[in-house]
Amino acid sequence: MFEVRIYSSPHQRSHLAPLKTFQQQQPQKAPSPPPPPQQQKQQVLPPRPPPPQQQQQVLPPPPPPQQQQQQQQQQQAPRRRRRRRRQSYEVSWNNHCYYLDGSGGNCTIGYSRATNAILGCIATQFVTKTYRSKISDSCCVWAADTYECYGLTDDNCNNAGPFTAGPVFGGGRGCINTQQRLPAQLTFCGSN
């Protein structure tokens, strides 16, 4: 509701009563309905495939009590890594086995050419060892590296053995940075 007053002059407002007073009622608004809820887009999912048929698992009968005890003991025992037995011609170092052979750069299955660095660490341990299977036709040792840097001394070179000294850096008549690659080249192999 609001009221309108009309005065005869602007100065009379403070001490005169209004000439006319109009009152008008505003029409009452009907309460507006709440806004419709926002429609959410429903994600359409593809139909689920039927569950796979489950097969009943047939379990074998339980083992006899004595066998159960053995199985439990085996499971409780600490697992040990199976070690391959070192052969008489091999040197064991850092959980690997190494050998020398006149195999022309080839190693047996489970072995590959090892590095000059490893040979330098274990060379003296080849004293009393022999070739694995074939006498070499070269004194320089073919290792995994590009160049041959070790060789057997004249006393051991191309002789059956056992070795009286291991390979020597620069031994074997100047085996430093050579690449001979002969068919029966002395080869240094290590277990993988």
N, C-alpha and C. Protein backbone atom coordinates (compact mmCIF):
# COMPACT_ATOMS: atom_id res chain seq x y z
N MET A 1 0.84 -1.16 0.00
CA MET A 1 0.00 0.00 0.00
C MET A 1 0.89 1.23 0.00
N PHE A 2 0.42 2.27 -0.69
CA PHE A 2 1.19 3.51 -0.70
C PHE A 2 0.23 4.70 -0.55
N GLU A 3 0.77 5.86 -0.20
CA GLU A 3 -0.04 7.04 0.09
C GLU A 3 0.53 8.22 -0.69
N VAL A 4 -0.37 9.02 -1.28
CA VAL A 4 0.05 10.21 -2.03
C VAL A 4 -0.56 11.43 -1.33
N ARG A 5 0.21 12.45 -1.01
CA ARG A 5 -0.28 13.68 -0.38
C ARG A 5 -0.04 14.85 -1.34
N ILE A 6 -1.02 15.71 -1.42
CA ILE A 6 -0.90 16.88 -2.28
C ILE A 6 -0.99 18.12 -1.39
N TYR A 7 -0.05 19.04 -1.53
CA TYR A 7 0.00 20.28 -0.75
C TYR A 7 -0.24 21.46 -1.70
N SER A 8 -0.73 22.58 -1.09
CA SER A 8 -1.01 23.75 -1.91
C SER A 8 0.26 24.46 -2.35
N SER A 9 1.27 24.50 -1.51
CA SER A 9 2.53 25.10 -1.91
C SER A 9 3.67 24.32 -1.26
N PRO A 10 4.84 24.45 -1.80
CA PRO A 10 5.94 23.67 -1.25
C PRO A 10 6.32 24.14 0.14
N HIS A 11 6.05 25.40 0.53
CA HIS A 11 6.44 25.92 1.84
C HIS A 11 5.49 25.49 2.92
N GLN A 12 4.34 25.02 2.56
CA GLN A 12 3.31 24.69 3.52
C GLN A 12 3.45 23.27 4.04
N ARG A 13 4.28 22.56 3.59
CA ARG A 13 4.39 21.15 3.95
C ARG A 13 4.60 20.95 5.43
N SER A 14 5.38 21.78 6.00
CA SER A 14 5.72 21.55 7.39
C SER A 14 4.60 21.91 8.36
N HIS A 15 3.72 22.92 8.11
CA HIS A 15 2.74 23.33 9.11
C HIS A 15 1.30 23.15 8.65
N LEU A 16 1.05 22.74 7.44
CA LEU A 16 -0.31 22.52 6.98
C LEU A 16 -0.57 21.04 6.73
N ALA A 17 -1.79 20.75 6.85
CA ALA A 17 -2.18 19.37 6.56
C ALA A 17 -2.34 19.24 5.06
N PRO A 18 -2.20 18.12 4.56
CA PRO A 18 -2.34 17.94 3.13
C PRO A 18 -3.76 18.21 2.67
N LEU A 19 -3.93 18.65 1.44
CA LEU A 19 -5.25 18.90 0.89
C LEU A 19 -5.96 17.60 0.58
N LYS A 20 -5.30 16.75 -0.02
CA LYS A 20 -5.93 15.47 -0.38
C LYS A 20 -4.96 14.33 -0.07
N THR A 21 -5.50 13.25 0.34
CA THR A 21 -4.69 12.06 0.58
C THR A 21 -5.31 10.92 -0.21
N PHE A 22 -4.53 10.34 -0.99
CA PHE A 22 -5.01 9.20 -1.77
C PHE A 22 -4.34 7.93 -1.24
N GLN A 23 -5.12 6.97 -1.10
CA GLN A 23 -4.56 5.67 -0.71
C GLN A 23 -4.98 4.66 -1.74
N GLN A 24 -4.06 3.96 -2.16
CA GLN A 24 -4.37 2.94 -3.15
C GLN A 24 -3.68 1.66 -2.73
N GLN A 25 -4.41 0.67 -2.82
CA GLN A 25 -3.83 -0.62 -2.45
C GLN A 25 -3.28 -1.28 -3.70
N GLN A 26 -2.14 -1.76 -3.49
CA GLN A 26 -1.55 -2.51 -4.60
C GLN A 26 -2.21 -3.87 -4.66
N PRO A 27 -2.42 -4.28 -5.85
CA PRO A 27 -2.99 -5.62 -5.93
C PRO A 27 -1.97 -6.64 -5.40
N GLN A 28 -2.48 -7.56 -4.64
CA GLN A 28 -1.60 -8.57 -4.08
C GLN A 28 -1.23 -9.59 -5.14
N LYS A 29 0.02 -9.84 -5.14
CA LYS A 29 0.50 -10.82 -6.11
C LYS A 29 0.32 -12.21 -5.53
N ALA A 30 -0.09 -13.06 -6.37
CA ALA A 30 -0.18 -14.46 -5.94
C ALA A 30 1.24 -15.00 -5.82
N PRO A 31 1.50 -15.79 -4.78
CA PRO A 31 2.86 -16.32 -4.66
C PRO A 31 3.23 -17.11 -5.91
N SER A 32 4.41 -16.81 -6.41
CA SER A 32 4.84 -17.50 -7.62
C SER A 32 5.23 -18.94 -7.28
N PRO A 33 4.93 -19.82 -8.17
CA PRO A 33 5.29 -21.22 -7.90
C PRO A 33 6.82 -21.36 -7.93
N PRO A 34 7.34 -22.30 -7.17
CA PRO A 34 8.79 -22.49 -7.17
C PRO A 34 9.26 -22.87 -8.57
N PRO A 35 10.47 -22.45 -8.91
CA PRO A 35 10.95 -22.78 -10.26
C PRO A 35 11.08 -24.29 -10.41
N PRO A 36 10.81 -24.75 -11.61
CA PRO A 36 10.91 -26.22 -11.79
C PRO A 36 12.36 -26.67 -11.59
N PRO A 37 12.54 -27.82 -10.98
CA PRO A 37 13.91 -28.31 -10.78
C PRO A 37 14.59 -28.52 -12.13
N GLN A 38 15.89 -28.22 -12.14
CA GLN A 38 16.63 -28.40 -13.38
C GLN A 38 16.68 -29.88 -13.71
N GLN A 39 16.39 -30.10 -14.92
CA GLN A 39 16.44 -31.50 -15.32
C GLN A 39 17.88 -31.88 -15.58
N GLN A 40 18.30 -32.92 -14.91
CA GLN A 40 19.66 -33.41 -15.11
C GLN A 40 19.66 -34.40 -16.26
N LYS A 41 20.71 -34.28 -17.04
CA LYS A 41 20.84 -35.24 -18.13
C LYS A 41 21.19 -36.59 -17.54
N GLN A 42 20.43 -37.54 -17.87
CA GLN A 42 20.73 -38.88 -17.39
C GLN A 42 21.63 -39.56 -18.40
N GLN A 43 22.73 -40.09 -17.86
CA GLN A 43 23.69 -40.77 -18.73
C GLN A 43 23.13 -42.15 -19.06
N VAL A 44 23.10 -42.41 -20.33
CA VAL A 44 22.58 -43.69 -20.77
C VAL A 44 23.75 -44.66 -20.88
N LEU A 45 23.73 -45.69 -20.07
CA LEU A 45 24.79 -46.69 -20.08
C LEU A 45 24.35 -47.88 -20.91
N PRO A 46 25.31 -48.51 -21.56
CA PRO A 46 24.94 -49.71 -22.31
C PRO A 46 24.51 -50.79 -21.32
N PRO A 47 23.68 -51.68 -21.76
CA PRO A 47 23.24 -52.74 -20.84
C PRO A 47 24.43 -53.61 -20.42
N ARG A 48 24.39 -54.05 -19.18
CA ARG A 48 25.47 -54.90 -18.66
C ARG A 48 25.38 -56.28 -19.30
N PRO A 49 26.57 -56.83 -19.61
CA PRO A 49 26.54 -58.19 -20.15
C PRO A 49 26.16 -59.16 -19.03
N PRO A 50 25.58 -60.25 -19.38
CA PRO A 50 25.21 -61.22 -18.34
C PRO A 50 26.47 -61.77 -17.67
N PRO A 51 26.38 -62.08 -16.37
CA PRO A 51 27.56 -62.61 -15.68
C PRO A 51 27.99 -63.95 -16.29
N PRO A 52 29.32 -64.18 -16.31
CA PRO A 52 29.79 -65.45 -16.89
C PRO A 52 29.35 -66.63 -16.03
N GLN A 53 29.17 -67.70 -16.71
CA GLN A 53 28.78 -68.92 -16.00
C GLN A 53 29.95 -69.37 -15.14
N GLN A 54 29.72 -69.54 -13.88
CA GLN A 54 30.78 -70.00 -12.99
C GLN A 54 30.78 -71.51 -12.95
N GLN A 55 31.99 -72.01 -13.11
CA GLN A 55 32.13 -73.46 -13.04
C GLN A 55 32.48 -73.85 -11.63
N GLN A 56 31.92 -74.89 -11.19
CA GLN A 56 32.25 -75.37 -9.86
C GLN A 56 33.62 -76.01 -9.90
N GLN A 57 34.43 -75.60 -8.94
CA GLN A 57 35.79 -76.12 -8.88
C GLN A 57 35.79 -77.39 -8.06
N VAL A 58 36.35 -78.40 -8.65
CA VAL A 58 36.44 -79.68 -7.96
C VAL A 58 37.80 -79.75 -7.30
N LEU A 59 37.82 -79.81 -6.00
CA LEU A 59 39.07 -79.87 -5.26
C LEU A 59 39.49 -81.32 -5.04
N PRO A 60 40.79 -81.56 -5.10
CA PRO A 60 41.25 -82.93 -4.84
C PRO A 60 41.08 -83.23 -3.35
N PRO A 61 41.00 -84.48 -3.01
CA PRO A 61 40.86 -84.82 -1.59
C PRO A 61 42.10 -84.36 -0.83
N PRO A 62 41.95 -84.01 0.45
CA PRO A 62 43.10 -83.55 1.22
C PRO A 62 44.13 -84.66 1.38
N PRO A 63 45.43 -84.29 1.42
CA PRO A 63 46.47 -85.31 1.57
C PRO A 63 46.44 -85.90 2.98
N PRO A 64 47.05 -87.07 3.13
CA PRO A 64 47.10 -87.67 4.46
C PRO A 64 47.86 -86.75 5.43
N PRO A 65 47.62 -86.89 6.75
CA PRO A 65 48.23 -85.98 7.74
C PRO A 65 49.75 -85.91 7.66
N GLN A 66 50.42 -87.03 7.41
CA GLN A 66 51.89 -87.02 7.35
C GLN A 66 52.36 -86.16 6.17
N GLN A 67 51.69 -86.29 5.06
CA GLN A 67 52.06 -85.51 3.88
C GLN A 67 51.76 -84.02 4.11
N GLN A 68 50.69 -83.71 4.84
CA GLN A 68 50.38 -82.32 5.17
C GLN A 68 51.51 -81.70 5.99
N GLN A 69 52.03 -82.45 6.95
CA GLN A 69 53.12 -81.95 7.78
C GLN A 69 54.36 -81.67 6.93
N GLN A 70 54.66 -82.56 5.99
CA GLN A 70 55.82 -82.36 5.13
C GLN A 70 55.65 -81.10 4.28
N GLN A 71 54.44 -80.90 3.76
CA GLN A 71 54.19 -79.72 2.94
C GLN A 71 54.33 -78.44 3.76
N GLN A 72 53.82 -78.45 4.99
CA GLN A 72 53.94 -77.28 5.85
C GLN A 72 55.40 -76.98 6.18
N GLN A 73 56.18 -78.02 6.43
CA GLN A 73 57.59 -77.82 6.74
C GLN A 73 58.33 -77.23 5.53
N GLN A 74 57.98 -77.71 4.34
CA GLN A 74 58.62 -77.18 3.13
C GLN A 74 58.26 -75.72 2.92
N GLN A 75 57.01 -75.35 3.22
CA GLN A 75 56.59 -73.97 3.04
C GLN A 75 57.23 -73.05 4.07
N GLN A 76 57.44 -73.55 5.28
CA GLN A 76 58.02 -72.74 6.34
C GLN A 76 59.53 -72.62 6.22
N ALA A 77 60.16 -73.58 5.58
CA ALA A 77 61.62 -73.54 5.45
C ALA A 77 62.02 -72.34 4.60
N PRO A 78 63.11 -71.67 4.95
CA PRO A 78 63.54 -70.52 4.14
C PRO A 78 63.90 -70.98 2.73
N ARG A 79 63.48 -70.16 1.78
CA ARG A 79 63.76 -70.52 0.39
C ARG A 79 65.20 -70.17 0.08
N ARG A 80 65.88 -71.11 -0.49
CA ARG A 80 67.27 -70.91 -0.85
C ARG A 80 67.39 -70.90 -2.36
N ARG A 81 68.24 -70.05 -2.83
CA ARG A 81 68.50 -70.00 -4.26
C ARG A 81 69.35 -71.20 -4.62
N ARG A 82 68.90 -71.91 -5.62
CA ARG A 82 69.68 -73.07 -6.05
C ARG A 82 70.97 -72.60 -6.66
N ARG A 83 72.03 -73.14 -6.18
CA ARG A 83 73.34 -72.79 -6.72
C ARG A 83 73.82 -73.90 -7.63
N ARG A 84 74.36 -73.45 -8.72
CA ARG A 84 74.96 -74.40 -9.63
C ARG A 84 76.32 -74.77 -9.07
N ARG A 85 76.64 -76.00 -9.16
CA ARG A 85 77.93 -76.44 -8.64
C ARG A 85 79.05 -75.96 -9.55
N ARG A 86 80.06 -75.35 -8.96
CA ARG A 86 81.20 -74.84 -9.72
C ARG A 86 82.03 -76.01 -10.22
N GLN A 87 82.40 -75.94 -11.48
CA GLN A 87 83.22 -76.99 -12.09
C GLN A 87 84.70 -76.74 -11.76
N SER A 88 85.52 -77.75 -11.96
CA SER A 88 86.94 -77.66 -11.60
C SER A 88 87.70 -76.62 -12.43
N TYR A 89 87.24 -76.32 -13.62
CA TYR A 89 87.91 -75.34 -14.48
C TYR A 89 87.39 -73.92 -14.25
N GLU A 90 86.40 -73.74 -13.36
CA GLU A 90 85.77 -72.44 -13.17
C GLU A 90 86.29 -71.72 -11.93
N VAL A 91 86.18 -70.40 -11.99
CA VAL A 91 86.47 -69.54 -10.85
C VAL A 91 85.14 -68.93 -10.41
N SER A 92 84.86 -68.99 -9.12
CA SER A 92 83.63 -68.42 -8.58
C SER A 92 83.92 -67.04 -8.01
N TRP A 93 83.10 -66.05 -8.41
CA TRP A 93 83.28 -64.69 -7.91
C TRP A 93 81.97 -63.94 -8.00
N ASN A 94 81.56 -63.33 -6.90
CA ASN A 94 80.36 -62.48 -6.87
C ASN A 94 79.12 -63.22 -7.37
N ASN A 95 78.93 -64.45 -6.90
CA ASN A 95 77.78 -65.30 -7.24
C ASN A 95 77.71 -65.67 -8.73
N HIS A 96 78.82 -65.65 -9.42
CA HIS A 96 78.89 -66.08 -10.81
C HIS A 96 80.10 -66.99 -10.98
N CYS A 97 80.06 -67.81 -12.02
CA CYS A 97 81.19 -68.69 -12.33
C CYS A 97 81.80 -68.26 -13.66
N TYR A 98 83.13 -68.33 -13.75
CA TYR A 98 83.86 -67.87 -14.94
C TYR A 98 84.83 -68.95 -15.38
N TYR A 99 85.06 -69.02 -16.70
CA TYR A 99 86.03 -69.98 -17.22
C TYR A 99 86.73 -69.41 -18.45
N LEU A 100 87.84 -70.03 -18.81
CA LEU A 100 88.60 -69.72 -20.03
C LEU A 100 88.49 -70.92 -20.95
N ASP A 101 88.34 -70.65 -22.25
CA ASP A 101 88.24 -71.75 -23.21
C ASP A 101 88.69 -71.26 -24.59
N GLY A 102 89.15 -72.16 -25.41
CA GLY A 102 89.55 -71.83 -26.78
C GLY A 102 88.36 -71.96 -27.71
N SER A 103 87.29 -71.26 -27.44
CA SER A 103 86.03 -71.43 -28.16
C SER A 103 85.76 -70.36 -29.21
N GLY A 104 86.72 -69.50 -29.49
CA GLY A 104 86.53 -68.51 -30.56
C GLY A 104 85.43 -67.50 -30.28
N GLY A 105 85.29 -67.06 -29.05
CA GLY A 105 84.28 -66.05 -28.71
C GLY A 105 82.93 -66.60 -28.33
N ASN A 106 82.76 -67.91 -28.39
CA ASN A 106 81.48 -68.53 -28.05
C ASN A 106 81.52 -69.07 -26.63
N CYS A 107 80.39 -68.96 -25.94
CA CYS A 107 80.27 -69.49 -24.58
C CYS A 107 79.15 -70.53 -24.56
N THR A 108 79.19 -71.42 -23.59
CA THR A 108 78.15 -72.44 -23.48
C THR A 108 76.83 -71.79 -23.06
N ILE A 109 75.74 -72.54 -23.19
CA ILE A 109 74.41 -72.04 -22.82
C ILE A 109 74.40 -71.64 -21.35
N GLY A 110 73.84 -70.48 -21.06
CA GLY A 110 73.80 -69.96 -19.70
C GLY A 110 75.00 -69.11 -19.35
N TYR A 111 75.91 -68.94 -20.30
CA TYR A 111 77.12 -68.13 -20.11
C TYR A 111 77.22 -67.12 -21.25
N SER A 112 77.93 -66.05 -21.00
CA SER A 112 78.23 -65.07 -22.05
C SER A 112 79.61 -64.49 -21.76
N ARG A 113 80.19 -63.84 -22.78
CA ARG A 113 81.50 -63.25 -22.56
C ARG A 113 81.43 -62.23 -21.43
N ALA A 114 82.39 -62.28 -20.53
CA ALA A 114 82.45 -61.35 -19.40
C ALA A 114 83.47 -60.25 -19.71
N THR A 115 83.48 -59.21 -18.92
CA THR A 115 84.30 -58.02 -19.21
C THR A 115 85.75 -58.16 -18.76
N ASN A 116 86.59 -57.32 -19.35
CA ASN A 116 88.00 -57.24 -18.93
C ASN A 116 88.11 -56.80 -17.47
N ALA A 117 87.17 -55.95 -17.02
CA ALA A 117 87.21 -55.48 -15.64
C ALA A 117 87.08 -56.65 -14.66
N ILE A 118 86.16 -57.56 -14.94
CA ILE A 118 86.00 -58.73 -14.07
C ILE A 118 87.24 -59.61 -14.16
N LEU A 119 87.74 -59.80 -15.37
CA LEU A 119 88.95 -60.63 -15.53
C LEU A 119 90.10 -60.05 -14.72
N GLY A 120 90.23 -58.74 -14.69
CA GLY A 120 91.28 -58.11 -13.90
C GLY A 120 91.14 -58.41 -12.41
N CYS A 121 89.91 -58.57 -11.93
CA CYS A 121 89.68 -58.85 -10.51
C CYS A 121 90.00 -60.30 -10.14
N ILE A 122 89.79 -61.23 -11.07
CA ILE A 122 89.91 -62.65 -10.72
C ILE A 122 91.02 -63.39 -11.46
N ALA A 123 91.83 -62.69 -12.23
CA ALA A 123 92.85 -63.34 -13.08
C ALA A 123 93.75 -64.30 -12.30
N THR A 124 94.17 -63.90 -11.12
CA THR A 124 95.10 -64.75 -10.35
C THR A 124 94.44 -66.04 -9.86
N GLN A 125 93.11 -66.07 -9.82
CA GLN A 125 92.41 -67.27 -9.36
C GLN A 125 92.39 -68.38 -10.40
N PHE A 126 92.85 -68.10 -11.62
CA PHE A 126 92.90 -69.14 -12.65
C PHE A 126 94.13 -70.05 -12.52
N VAL A 127 95.01 -69.76 -11.58
CA VAL A 127 96.15 -70.65 -11.33
C VAL A 127 95.58 -72.00 -10.90
N THR A 128 96.08 -73.07 -11.47
CA THR A 128 95.65 -74.49 -11.29
C THR A 128 94.39 -74.84 -12.07
N LYS A 129 93.76 -73.91 -12.78
CA LYS A 129 92.59 -74.22 -13.60
C LYS A 129 93.06 -74.62 -15.00
N THR A 130 92.13 -75.14 -15.79
CA THR A 130 92.44 -75.56 -17.16
C THR A 130 91.43 -74.94 -18.12
N TYR A 131 91.64 -75.17 -19.40
CA TYR A 131 90.64 -74.77 -20.39
C TYR A 131 89.36 -75.57 -20.12
N ARG A 132 88.23 -75.01 -20.47
CA ARG A 132 86.97 -75.73 -20.26
C ARG A 132 86.91 -76.97 -21.14
N SER A 133 87.14 -76.80 -22.45
CA SER A 133 87.03 -77.96 -23.34
C SER A 133 88.03 -77.97 -24.49
N LYS A 134 88.57 -76.82 -24.87
CA LYS A 134 89.43 -76.77 -26.06
C LYS A 134 90.62 -75.85 -25.82
N ILE A 135 91.80 -76.30 -26.21
CA ILE A 135 93.02 -75.48 -26.09
C ILE A 135 92.94 -74.36 -27.12
N SER A 136 93.35 -73.17 -26.73
CA SER A 136 93.25 -72.01 -27.61
C SER A 136 94.36 -71.99 -28.66
N ASP A 137 94.15 -71.19 -29.73
CA ASP A 137 95.18 -70.99 -30.74
C ASP A 137 95.70 -69.55 -30.70
N SER A 138 95.32 -68.80 -29.68
CA SER A 138 95.78 -67.43 -29.50
C SER A 138 95.92 -67.16 -28.01
N CYS A 139 96.89 -66.37 -27.63
CA CYS A 139 97.13 -66.08 -26.21
C CYS A 139 96.28 -64.93 -25.68
N CYS A 140 95.72 -64.09 -26.57
CA CYS A 140 94.92 -62.94 -26.13
C CYS A 140 93.50 -63.39 -25.76
N VAL A 141 92.98 -62.81 -24.68
CA VAL A 141 91.66 -63.21 -24.16
C VAL A 141 90.57 -62.34 -24.79
N TRP A 142 89.61 -63.01 -25.46
CA TRP A 142 88.45 -62.33 -26.04
C TRP A 142 87.40 -62.23 -24.95
N ALA A 143 87.11 -61.00 -24.53
CA ALA A 143 86.12 -60.75 -23.48
C ALA A 143 84.92 -60.01 -24.09
N ALA A 144 84.04 -59.51 -23.26
CA ALA A 144 82.86 -58.80 -23.74
C ALA A 144 83.21 -57.42 -24.30
N ASP A 145 84.36 -56.90 -23.94
CA ASP A 145 84.77 -55.58 -24.40
C ASP A 145 85.19 -55.62 -25.87
N THR A 146 85.27 -54.46 -26.49
CA THR A 146 85.65 -54.37 -27.90
C THR A 146 87.07 -54.85 -28.14
N TYR A 147 87.96 -54.50 -27.24
CA TYR A 147 89.37 -54.84 -27.44
C TYR A 147 89.86 -55.87 -26.43
N GLU A 148 90.82 -56.68 -26.87
CA GLU A 148 91.45 -57.67 -25.99
C GLU A 148 92.61 -56.98 -25.28
N CYS A 149 92.61 -57.07 -23.95
CA CYS A 149 93.66 -56.40 -23.16
C CYS A 149 94.41 -57.37 -22.26
N TYR A 150 93.95 -58.61 -22.14
CA TYR A 150 94.59 -59.60 -21.28
C TYR A 150 95.05 -60.77 -22.13
N GLY A 151 96.08 -61.45 -21.65
CA GLY A 151 96.57 -62.63 -22.35
C GLY A 151 97.30 -63.55 -21.40
N LEU A 152 97.41 -64.82 -21.80
CA LEU A 152 98.17 -65.79 -21.00
C LEU A 152 99.65 -65.63 -21.31
N THR A 153 100.45 -65.91 -20.34
CA THR A 153 101.91 -65.84 -20.53
C THR A 153 102.37 -66.99 -21.42
N ASP A 154 103.59 -66.92 -21.90
CA ASP A 154 104.12 -67.95 -22.81
C ASP A 154 104.07 -69.35 -22.21
N ASP A 155 104.27 -69.47 -20.90
CA ASP A 155 104.25 -70.80 -20.27
C ASP A 155 102.88 -71.46 -20.36
N ASN A 156 101.82 -70.67 -20.37
CA ASN A 156 100.46 -71.20 -20.35
C ASN A 156 99.74 -71.09 -21.69
N CYS A 157 100.25 -70.25 -22.56
CA CYS A 157 99.58 -69.96 -23.82
C CYS A 157 99.55 -71.20 -24.72
N ASN A 158 98.35 -71.58 -25.14
CA ASN A 158 98.14 -72.69 -26.07
C ASN A 158 98.69 -74.02 -25.55
N ASN A 159 98.81 -74.16 -24.25
CA ASN A 159 99.24 -75.42 -23.62
C ASN A 159 98.08 -75.97 -22.79
N ALA A 160 98.07 -77.27 -22.62
CA ALA A 160 96.95 -77.95 -21.98
C ALA A 160 96.69 -77.50 -20.54
N GLY A 161 97.67 -77.17 -19.79
CA GLY A 161 97.43 -76.75 -18.41
C GLY A 161 97.64 -77.91 -17.45
N PRO A 162 97.45 -77.71 -16.19
CA PRO A 162 96.80 -76.56 -15.57
C PRO A 162 97.66 -75.30 -15.66
N PHE A 163 96.97 -74.14 -15.56
CA PHE A 163 97.66 -72.85 -15.68
C PHE A 163 98.55 -72.62 -14.46
N THR A 164 99.75 -72.11 -14.71
CA THR A 164 100.66 -71.75 -13.61
C THR A 164 100.54 -70.27 -13.27
N ALA A 165 99.86 -69.52 -14.12
CA ALA A 165 99.57 -68.10 -13.88
C ALA A 165 98.27 -67.76 -14.59
N GLY A 166 97.57 -66.78 -14.08
CA GLY A 166 96.34 -66.34 -14.74
C GLY A 166 96.64 -65.37 -15.85
N PRO A 167 95.61 -64.93 -16.57
CA PRO A 167 95.81 -63.93 -17.61
C PRO A 167 96.40 -62.64 -17.02
N VAL A 168 97.23 -61.98 -17.81
CA VAL A 168 97.93 -60.77 -17.38
C VAL A 168 97.57 -59.64 -18.32
N PHE A 169 97.39 -58.43 -17.77
CA PHE A 169 97.11 -57.26 -18.61
C PHE A 169 98.30 -57.03 -19.54
N GLY A 170 98.04 -57.01 -20.82
CA GLY A 170 99.10 -56.83 -21.81
C GLY A 170 99.92 -58.09 -22.04
N GLY A 171 99.55 -59.20 -21.40
CA GLY A 171 100.29 -60.45 -21.57
C GLY A 171 99.98 -61.10 -22.90
N GLY A 172 100.52 -62.29 -23.09
CA GLY A 172 100.26 -63.02 -24.34
C GLY A 172 100.87 -62.36 -25.54
N ARG A 173 102.08 -61.88 -25.41
CA ARG A 173 102.80 -61.25 -26.52
C ARG A 173 102.12 -59.95 -26.98
N GLY A 174 101.86 -59.09 -26.02
CA GLY A 174 101.36 -57.75 -26.36
C GLY A 174 99.87 -57.65 -26.62
N CYS A 175 99.07 -58.29 -25.82
CA CYS A 175 97.61 -58.22 -26.01
C CYS A 175 97.05 -56.94 -25.39
N ILE A 176 97.25 -55.82 -26.08
CA ILE A 176 96.67 -54.56 -25.63
C ILE A 176 95.94 -53.95 -26.82
N ASN A 177 94.64 -53.77 -26.65
CA ASN A 177 93.78 -53.18 -27.69
C ASN A 177 93.89 -53.92 -29.02
N THR A 178 93.84 -55.23 -28.96
CA THR A 178 93.86 -56.04 -30.19
C THR A 178 92.47 -56.62 -30.43
N GLN A 179 92.26 -57.10 -31.65
CA GLN A 179 91.02 -57.77 -32.03
C GLN A 179 91.38 -58.91 -32.97
N GLN A 180 91.77 -60.04 -32.42
CA GLN A 180 92.22 -61.14 -33.27
C GLN A 180 91.06 -61.97 -33.80
N ARG A 181 90.15 -62.38 -32.96
CA ARG A 181 88.94 -63.11 -33.36
C ARG A 181 89.24 -64.37 -34.18
N LEU A 182 90.09 -65.22 -33.66
CA LEU A 182 90.46 -66.47 -34.35
C LEU A 182 89.47 -67.58 -34.01
N PRO A 183 89.43 -68.67 -34.83
CA PRO A 183 88.47 -69.75 -34.60
C PRO A 183 88.58 -70.40 -33.21
N ALA A 184 89.80 -70.50 -32.68
CA ALA A 184 89.97 -71.08 -31.34
C ALA A 184 90.51 -70.03 -30.38
N GLN A 185 90.02 -68.79 -30.56
CA GLN A 185 90.48 -67.67 -29.72
C GLN A 185 90.19 -67.96 -28.25
N LEU A 186 91.15 -67.66 -27.39
CA LEU A 186 90.97 -67.80 -25.95
C LEU A 186 89.83 -66.87 -25.53
N THR A 187 88.80 -67.43 -24.88
CA THR A 187 87.58 -66.69 -24.58
C THR A 187 87.30 -66.72 -23.08
N PHE A 188 86.88 -65.58 -22.53
CA PHE A 188 86.54 -65.45 -21.11
C PHE A 188 85.02 -65.39 -20.98
N CYS A 189 84.44 -66.42 -20.34
CA CYS A 189 82.98 -66.52 -20.21
C CYS A 189 82.56 -66.50 -18.75
N GLY A 190 81.37 -65.95 -18.49
CA GLY A 190 80.82 -65.91 -17.14
C GLY A 190 79.35 -66.30 -17.15
N SER A 191 78.90 -66.88 -16.05
CA SER A 191 77.50 -67.31 -15.97
C SER A 191 76.56 -66.10 -15.95
N ASN A 192 75.40 -66.27 -16.56
CA ASN A 192 74.40 -65.18 -16.62
C ASN A 192 73.63 -65.08 -15.33
